[in-house]
Amino acid sequence: MSQQRKSGAHKSKRKYKFKSGSKILRRPVVKKTAGVSDSFIDRGIKDGTFPAPVKLGARAVGWPDFVIYEWLSEREVVS
C-alpha cells in the first residue's frame, strides 16, 4: 500500500526567467527581508498574494531575489 504525502502550499506553478547575477533566497532570508511570518508566506502563496517559490530539490524551495524585491516594491507604503 502506497502512502501519499500531503502536498502543501509549496507547489510552484510559476516559472521565472532568471536574471544574470540573481540569487535564490531561502525562507529565513525571505522572512527577514520582507518582514513577514511563515504563516503570512504560506497564506499568501495559497491566496496568490505572495510569490510562489521555485522547487530546488525534493524538500527544498526558494525564491529568486528579484521576485521578492519586486513584490516588496509593489506593496503599499503605510505612513
C-alpha atoms as a PDB file:
ATOM      1  CA  MET A   1       0.000   0.000   0.000  1.00  0.00           C
ATOM      2  CA  SER A   2       1.476   3.323  -1.008  1.00  0.00           C
ATOM      3  CA  GLN A   3       1.397   6.238   1.347  1.00  0.00           C
ATOM      4  CA  GLN A   4       0.600   9.616  -0.184  1.00  0.00           C
ATOM      5  CA  ARG A   5       2.370  12.674   1.103  1.00  0.00           C
ATOM      6  CA  LYS A   6       0.214  15.692   1.708  1.00  0.00           C
ATOM      7  CA  SER A   7       1.129  18.392  -0.738  1.00  0.00           C
ATOM      8  CA  GLY A   8       1.386  21.758   0.968  1.00  0.00           C
ATOM      9  CA  ALA A   9       1.325  25.314  -0.278  1.00  0.00           C
ATOM     10  CA  HIS A  10       4.817  24.974  -1.718  1.00  0.00           C
ATOM     11  CA  LYS A  11       3.777  23.805  -5.147  1.00  0.00           C
ATOM     12  CA  SER A  12       5.224  26.251  -7.588  1.00  0.00           C
ATOM     13  CA  LYS A  13       3.111  26.814 -10.660  1.00  0.00           C
ATOM     14  CA  ARG A  14       5.125  29.828 -11.676  1.00  0.00           C
ATOM     15  CA  LYS A  15       8.251  29.765 -13.773  1.00  0.00           C
ATOM     16  CA  TYR A  16      10.699  32.620 -13.500  1.00  0.00           C
ATOM     17  CA  LYS A  17      13.187  33.724 -16.075  1.00  0.00           C
ATOM     18  CA  PHE A  18      16.324  34.139 -14.044  1.00  0.00           C
ATOM     19  CA  LYS A  19      18.309  37.301 -14.436  1.00  0.00           C
ATOM     20  CA  SER A  20      22.084  37.378 -14.549  1.00  0.00           C
ATOM     21  CA  GLY A  21      23.534  37.690 -11.057  1.00  0.00           C
ATOM     22  CA  SER A  22      20.296  36.784  -9.288  1.00  0.00           C
ATOM     23  CA  LYS A  23      20.377  34.670  -6.154  1.00  0.00           C
ATOM     24  CA  ILE A  24      17.971  32.195  -4.616  1.00  0.00           C
ATOM     25  CA  LEU A  25      16.666  33.254  -1.222  1.00  0.00           C
ATOM     26  CA  ARG A  26      15.598  30.575   1.222  1.00  0.00           C
ATOM     27  CA  ARG A  27      12.655  31.065   3.587  1.00  0.00           C
ATOM     28  CA  PRO A  28      14.551  32.506   6.610  1.00  0.00           C
ATOM     29  CA  VAL A  29      16.098  35.206   4.401  1.00  0.00           C
ATOM     30  CA  VAL A  30      12.756  35.921   2.694  1.00  0.00           C
ATOM     31  CA  LYS A  31      11.091  36.299   6.103  1.00  0.00           C
ATOM     32  CA  LYS A  32      13.766  38.703   7.306  1.00  0.00           C
ATOM     33  CA  THR A  33      13.931  40.682   4.053  1.00  0.00           C
ATOM     34  CA  ALA A  34      10.161  41.035   3.673  1.00  0.00           C
ATOM     35  CA  GLY A  35       9.461  41.292   7.394  1.00  0.00           C
ATOM     36  CA  VAL A  36       6.777  38.615   7.292  1.00  0.00           C
ATOM     37  CA  SER A  37       5.999  35.385   9.135  1.00  0.00           C
ATOM     38  CA  ASP A  38       5.800  31.777   7.966  1.00  0.00           C
ATOM     39  CA  SER A  39       2.017  31.869   8.149  1.00  0.00           C
ATOM     40  CA  PHE A  40       1.890  35.072   6.080  1.00  0.00           C
ATOM     41  CA  ILE A  41       4.031  33.447   3.382  1.00  0.00           C
ATOM     42  CA  ASP A  42       2.010  30.208   3.356  1.00  0.00           C
ATOM     43  CA  ARG A  43      -1.331  32.025   3.272  1.00  0.00           C
ATOM     44  CA  GLY A  44      -0.084  34.438   0.599  1.00  0.00           C
ATOM     45  CA  ILE A  45       1.129  31.632  -1.650  1.00  0.00           C
ATOM     46  CA  LYS A  46      -2.213  29.852  -1.266  1.00  0.00           C
ATOM     47  CA  ASP A  47      -4.183  33.074  -1.951  1.00  0.00           C
ATOM     48  CA  GLY A  48      -1.898  34.212  -4.761  1.00  0.00           C
ATOM     49  CA  THR A  49      -0.847  37.374  -2.927  1.00  0.00           C
ATOM     50  CA  PHE A  50       2.745  36.245  -2.320  1.00  0.00           C
ATOM     51  CA  PRO A  51       5.094  34.884  -4.984  1.00  0.00           C
ATOM     52  CA  ALA A  52       5.254  31.115  -5.245  1.00  0.00           C
ATOM     53  CA  PRO A  53       8.671  29.574  -4.619  1.00  0.00           C
ATOM     54  CA  VAL A  54      10.656  27.532  -7.087  1.00  0.00           C
ATOM     55  CA  LYS A  55      11.430  23.925  -6.279  1.00  0.00           C
ATOM     56  CA  LEU A  56      15.141  23.384  -5.678  1.00  0.00           C
ATOM     57  CA  GLY A  57      15.037  19.731  -4.751  1.00  0.00           C
ATOM     58  CA  ALA A  58      12.872  17.068  -3.198  1.00  0.00           C
ATOM     59  CA  ARG A  59      12.431  19.031   0.032  1.00  0.00           C
ATOM     60  CA  ALA A  60      13.813  22.479  -0.730  1.00  0.00           C
ATOM     61  CA  VAL A  61      12.276  25.630  -2.176  1.00  0.00           C
ATOM     62  CA  GLY A  62      13.487  29.175  -2.633  1.00  0.00           C
ATOM     63  CA  TRP A  63      12.637  32.477  -4.273  1.00  0.00           C
ATOM     64  CA  PRO A  64      14.656  34.382  -6.852  1.00  0.00           C
ATOM     65  CA  ASP A  65      15.822  37.556  -5.110  1.00  0.00           C
ATOM     66  CA  PHE A  66      14.438  39.826  -7.818  1.00  0.00           C
ATOM     67  CA  VAL A  67      10.936  38.355  -7.324  1.00  0.00           C
ATOM     68  CA  ILE A  68      10.933  39.230  -3.618  1.00  0.00           C
ATOM     69  CA  TYR A  69      12.345  42.721  -4.256  1.00  0.00           C
ATOM     70  CA  GLU A  70       9.730  43.295  -6.963  1.00  0.00           C
ATOM     71  CA  TRP A  71       6.958  42.113  -4.625  1.00  0.00           C
ATOM     72  CA  LEU A  72       8.212  44.477  -1.925  1.00  0.00           C
ATOM     73  CA  SER A  73       8.310  47.427  -4.319  1.00  0.00           C
ATOM     74  CA  GLU A  74       4.670  46.780  -5.294  1.00  0.00           C
ATOM     75  CA  ARG A  75       3.457  46.792  -1.683  1.00  0.00           C
ATOM     76  CA  GLU A  76       1.511  49.814  -0.497  1.00  0.00           C
ATOM     77  CA  VAL A  77       3.542  52.142   1.726  1.00  0.00           C
ATOM     78  CA  VAL A  78       1.859  52.882   5.053  1.00  0.00           C
ATOM     79  CA  SER A  79       2.811  56.175   6.629  1.00  0.00           C
END
